Amino acid sequence: MLEKSMEIQLKNGLEARPVAVLVQIASQHESTVYIETKGKRVNAKSIMGMMSLGLNIGEEINVIADGKDEEEAISSIEKFLSGQE
């Protein structure tokens, strides 16, 4: 299991379209992926769960991945949230 703290650097935070993209990225990996913030943990592969977080630019989150491609999962999510994808 890997856990990494990251900052959301997307211009408009995680509104509907970026959440959908993040869910797609998480779903490409076999590992279980969770996003944790403000004492809440949601499955990153769940669009409804992710929308319930209401994340904005500059917010800190923890990404937790567990499985055989956990490093790839964390890396691809970090790349997306940093605005590089």
N, C-alpha and C. Protein backbone atom coordinates (compact mmCIF):
# COMPACT_ATOMS: atom_id res chain seq x y z
N MET A 1 0.84 -1.18 0.00
CA MET A 1 0.00 0.00 0.00
C MET A 1 0.89 1.24 0.00
N LEU A 2 0.56 2.19 -0.87
CA LEU A 2 1.28 3.46 -0.93
C LEU A 2 0.32 4.60 -0.62
N GLU A 3 0.86 5.63 0.02
CA GLU A 3 0.07 6.82 0.31
C GLU A 3 0.91 8.04 -0.01
N LYS A 4 0.32 9.01 -0.69
CA LYS A 4 1.06 10.22 -1.04
C LYS A 4 0.16 11.44 -0.90
N SER A 5 0.72 12.47 -0.30
CA SER A 5 0.01 13.73 -0.16
C SER A 5 0.27 14.57 -1.41
N MET A 6 -0.77 15.22 -1.92
CA MET A 6 -0.61 16.08 -3.09
C MET A 6 -1.55 17.27 -3.01
N GLU A 7 -1.21 18.28 -3.78
CA GLU A 7 -2.01 19.51 -3.84
C GLU A 7 -2.70 19.58 -5.18
N ILE A 8 -3.98 19.94 -5.17
CA ILE A 8 -4.74 20.09 -6.42
C ILE A 8 -4.30 21.39 -7.08
N GLN A 9 -3.79 21.27 -8.29
CA GLN A 9 -3.29 22.44 -9.00
C GLN A 9 -4.07 22.73 -10.28
N LEU A 10 -5.22 22.10 -10.43
CA LEU A 10 -6.07 22.35 -11.60
C LEU A 10 -6.75 23.70 -11.43
N LYS A 11 -6.77 24.50 -12.48
CA LYS A 11 -7.25 25.87 -12.42
C LYS A 11 -8.62 26.03 -11.75
N ASN A 12 -9.56 25.15 -12.07
CA ASN A 12 -10.91 25.25 -11.53
C ASN A 12 -11.19 24.21 -10.45
N GLY A 13 -10.14 23.61 -9.89
CA GLY A 13 -10.35 22.57 -8.88
C GLY A 13 -10.93 21.32 -9.52
N LEU A 14 -11.61 20.54 -8.71
CA LEU A 14 -12.19 19.31 -9.23
C LEU A 14 -13.70 19.49 -9.37
N GLU A 15 -14.09 20.12 -10.48
CA GLU A 15 -15.51 20.22 -10.80
C GLU A 15 -15.87 19.01 -11.65
N ALA A 16 -17.06 18.99 -12.23
CA ALA A 16 -17.59 17.78 -12.87
C ALA A 16 -16.66 17.14 -13.91
N ARG A 17 -16.19 17.90 -14.89
CA ARG A 17 -15.37 17.29 -15.95
C ARG A 17 -14.04 16.76 -15.41
N PRO A 18 -13.28 17.53 -14.62
CA PRO A 18 -12.03 16.98 -14.08
C PRO A 18 -12.25 15.77 -13.16
N VAL A 19 -13.36 15.75 -12.44
CA VAL A 19 -13.65 14.57 -11.60
C VAL A 19 -13.85 13.35 -12.49
N ALA A 20 -14.57 13.52 -13.58
CA ALA A 20 -14.80 12.39 -14.51
C ALA A 20 -13.49 11.88 -15.06
N VAL A 21 -12.58 12.78 -15.40
CA VAL A 21 -11.27 12.37 -15.92
C VAL A 21 -10.47 11.65 -14.84
N LEU A 22 -10.50 12.17 -13.62
CA LEU A 22 -9.78 11.52 -12.52
C LEU A 22 -10.32 10.12 -12.25
N VAL A 23 -11.63 9.96 -12.29
CA VAL A 23 -12.24 8.63 -12.10
C VAL A 23 -11.79 7.69 -13.22
N GLN A 24 -11.71 8.19 -14.47
CA GLN A 24 -11.24 7.37 -15.58
C GLN A 24 -9.79 6.94 -15.36
N ILE A 25 -8.96 7.88 -14.91
CA ILE A 25 -7.55 7.56 -14.67
C ILE A 25 -7.43 6.50 -13.58
N ALA A 26 -8.14 6.68 -12.48
CA ALA A 26 -8.10 5.71 -11.38
C ALA A 26 -8.61 4.34 -11.84
N SER A 27 -9.64 4.34 -12.67
CA SER A 27 -10.26 3.09 -13.12
C SER A 27 -9.37 2.31 -14.09
N GLN A 28 -8.37 2.95 -14.66
CA GLN A 28 -7.45 2.25 -15.58
C GLN A 28 -6.50 1.34 -14.82
N HIS A 29 -6.47 1.47 -13.52
CA HIS A 29 -5.53 0.69 -12.71
C HIS A 29 -6.26 -0.41 -11.94
N GLU A 30 -5.56 -1.51 -11.77
CA GLU A 30 -6.12 -2.65 -11.07
C GLU A 30 -6.18 -2.40 -9.56
N SER A 31 -5.27 -1.59 -9.06
CA SER A 31 -5.20 -1.30 -7.63
C SER A 31 -6.45 -0.59 -7.14
N THR A 32 -6.75 -0.75 -5.86
CA THR A 32 -7.79 0.07 -5.25
C THR A 32 -7.18 1.44 -5.00
N VAL A 33 -7.94 2.49 -5.25
CA VAL A 33 -7.44 3.85 -5.11
C VAL A 33 -8.46 4.66 -4.31
N TYR A 34 -7.97 5.32 -3.27
CA TYR A 34 -8.83 6.16 -2.44
C TYR A 34 -8.25 7.56 -2.37
N ILE A 35 -9.14 8.54 -2.25
CA ILE A 35 -8.77 9.93 -2.01
C ILE A 35 -9.26 10.26 -0.61
N GLU A 36 -8.39 10.84 0.17
CA GLU A 36 -8.73 11.15 1.56
C GLU A 36 -8.47 12.64 1.82
N THR A 37 -9.44 13.32 2.41
CA THR A 37 -9.29 14.73 2.78
C THR A 37 -10.34 15.09 3.81
N LYS A 38 -9.99 15.99 4.69
CA LYS A 38 -10.93 16.49 5.72
C LYS A 38 -11.62 15.36 6.48
N GLY A 39 -10.89 14.29 6.75
CA GLY A 39 -11.45 13.17 7.51
C GLY A 39 -12.38 12.26 6.71
N LYS A 40 -12.51 12.49 5.41
CA LYS A 40 -13.35 11.65 4.54
C LYS A 40 -12.47 10.86 3.60
N ARG A 41 -12.85 9.61 3.36
CA ARG A 41 -12.13 8.77 2.40
C ARG A 41 -13.14 8.22 1.41
N VAL A 42 -12.86 8.43 0.11
CA VAL A 42 -13.76 7.92 -0.92
C VAL A 42 -12.98 7.12 -1.96
N ASN A 43 -13.68 6.21 -2.61
CA ASN A 43 -13.12 5.42 -3.69
C ASN A 43 -12.92 6.35 -4.89
N ALA A 44 -11.70 6.46 -5.38
CA ALA A 44 -11.40 7.35 -6.51
C ALA A 44 -12.01 6.84 -7.81
N LYS A 45 -12.54 5.63 -7.81
CA LYS A 45 -13.18 5.09 -9.01
C LYS A 45 -14.68 5.35 -9.00
N SER A 46 -15.16 6.06 -7.98
CA SER A 46 -16.59 6.37 -7.84
C SER A 46 -16.83 7.85 -8.14
N ILE A 47 -17.54 8.13 -9.22
CA ILE A 47 -17.78 9.52 -9.59
C ILE A 47 -18.62 10.24 -8.53
N MET A 48 -19.60 9.56 -7.96
CA MET A 48 -20.44 10.19 -6.94
C MET A 48 -19.63 10.47 -5.67
N GLY A 49 -18.79 9.52 -5.30
CA GLY A 49 -17.94 9.72 -4.13
C GLY A 49 -17.00 10.89 -4.32
N MET A 50 -16.39 10.96 -5.49
CA MET A 50 -15.44 12.04 -5.77
C MET A 50 -16.15 13.40 -5.81
N MET A 51 -17.33 13.46 -6.39
CA MET A 51 -18.07 14.73 -6.45
C MET A 51 -18.44 15.19 -5.04
N SER A 52 -18.66 14.26 -4.14
CA SER A 52 -19.07 14.62 -2.77
C SER A 52 -17.96 15.35 -2.01
N LEU A 53 -16.71 15.25 -2.47
CA LEU A 53 -15.60 15.90 -1.79
C LEU A 53 -15.54 17.40 -2.05
N GLY A 54 -16.01 17.84 -3.23
CA GLY A 54 -16.00 19.26 -3.57
C GLY A 54 -14.63 19.90 -3.43
N LEU A 55 -13.64 19.35 -4.09
CA LEU A 55 -12.26 19.81 -3.94
C LEU A 55 -11.94 21.01 -4.83
N ASN A 56 -11.18 21.95 -4.28
CA ASN A 56 -10.81 23.16 -5.00
C ASN A 56 -9.29 23.26 -5.16
N ILE A 57 -8.88 24.17 -6.03
CA ILE A 57 -7.45 24.41 -6.26
C ILE A 57 -6.77 24.75 -4.93
N GLY A 58 -5.59 24.20 -4.75
CA GLY A 58 -4.79 24.47 -3.56
C GLY A 58 -5.05 23.54 -2.39
N GLU A 59 -6.11 22.74 -2.46
CA GLU A 59 -6.41 21.83 -1.35
C GLU A 59 -5.45 20.65 -1.35
N GLU A 60 -5.12 20.20 -0.14
CA GLU A 60 -4.24 19.03 0.05
C GLU A 60 -5.10 17.79 0.18
N ILE A 61 -4.70 16.74 -0.51
CA ILE A 61 -5.38 15.45 -0.39
C ILE A 61 -4.33 14.37 -0.21
N ASN A 62 -4.78 13.21 0.28
CA ASN A 62 -3.94 12.02 0.32
C ASN A 62 -4.50 11.04 -0.69
N VAL A 63 -3.63 10.50 -1.50
CA VAL A 63 -4.02 9.46 -2.46
C VAL A 63 -3.44 8.16 -1.94
N ILE A 64 -4.31 7.16 -1.77
CA ILE A 64 -3.91 5.87 -1.23
C ILE A 64 -4.19 4.81 -2.29
N ALA A 65 -3.18 4.05 -2.65
CA ALA A 65 -3.35 2.99 -3.65
C ALA A 65 -2.81 1.70 -3.09
N ASP A 66 -3.49 0.61 -3.39
CA ASP A 66 -3.08 -0.70 -2.91
C ASP A 66 -3.33 -1.73 -4.01
N GLY A 67 -2.25 -2.35 -4.47
CA GLY A 67 -2.36 -3.36 -5.51
C GLY A 67 -1.08 -3.44 -6.30
N LYS A 68 -1.09 -4.28 -7.34
CA LYS A 68 0.16 -4.52 -8.05
C LYS A 68 0.62 -3.35 -8.90
N ASP A 69 -0.28 -2.42 -9.26
CA ASP A 69 0.15 -1.26 -10.04
C ASP A 69 -0.05 0.05 -9.24
N GLU A 70 0.12 -0.04 -7.92
CA GLU A 70 -0.12 1.11 -7.04
C GLU A 70 0.79 2.30 -7.35
N GLU A 71 2.04 2.03 -7.69
CA GLU A 71 2.97 3.13 -8.00
C GLU A 71 2.52 3.88 -9.25
N GLU A 72 2.12 3.14 -10.28
CA GLU A 72 1.59 3.73 -11.51
C GLU A 72 0.35 4.55 -11.24
N ALA A 73 -0.54 4.01 -10.41
CA ALA A 73 -1.80 4.70 -10.09
C ALA A 73 -1.52 6.05 -9.42
N ILE A 74 -0.66 6.04 -8.43
CA ILE A 74 -0.32 7.28 -7.71
C ILE A 74 0.33 8.27 -8.67
N SER A 75 1.24 7.78 -9.48
CA SER A 75 1.97 8.64 -10.42
C SER A 75 1.03 9.30 -11.43
N SER A 76 0.11 8.53 -12.01
CA SER A 76 -0.78 9.09 -13.03
C SER A 76 -1.77 10.08 -12.42
N ILE A 77 -2.23 9.83 -11.20
CA ILE A 77 -3.13 10.77 -10.53
C ILE A 77 -2.38 12.05 -10.18
N GLU A 78 -1.16 11.91 -9.70
CA GLU A 78 -0.36 13.09 -9.36
C GLU A 78 -0.11 13.96 -10.59
N LYS A 79 0.19 13.30 -11.71
CA LYS A 79 0.44 14.03 -12.96
C LYS A 79 -0.81 14.80 -13.37
N PHE A 80 -1.96 14.18 -13.27
CA PHE A 80 -3.22 14.84 -13.64
C PHE A 80 -3.52 16.02 -12.71
N LEU A 81 -3.42 15.81 -11.40
CA LEU A 81 -3.76 16.87 -10.44
C LEU A 81 -2.79 18.04 -10.48
N SER A 82 -1.59 17.82 -10.99
CA SER A 82 -0.63 18.91 -11.09
C SER A 82 -0.82 19.72 -12.37
N GLY A 83 -1.78 19.31 -13.20
CA GLY A 83 -2.06 20.03 -14.43
C GLY A 83 -1.15 19.67 -15.58
N GLN A 84 -0.40 18.57 -15.46
CA GLN A 84 0.55 18.17 -16.50
C GLN A 84 -0.09 17.28 -17.57
N GLU A 85 -1.32 16.89 -17.39
CA GLU A 85 -1.94 15.98 -18.35
C GLU A 85 -3.08 16.64 -19.05
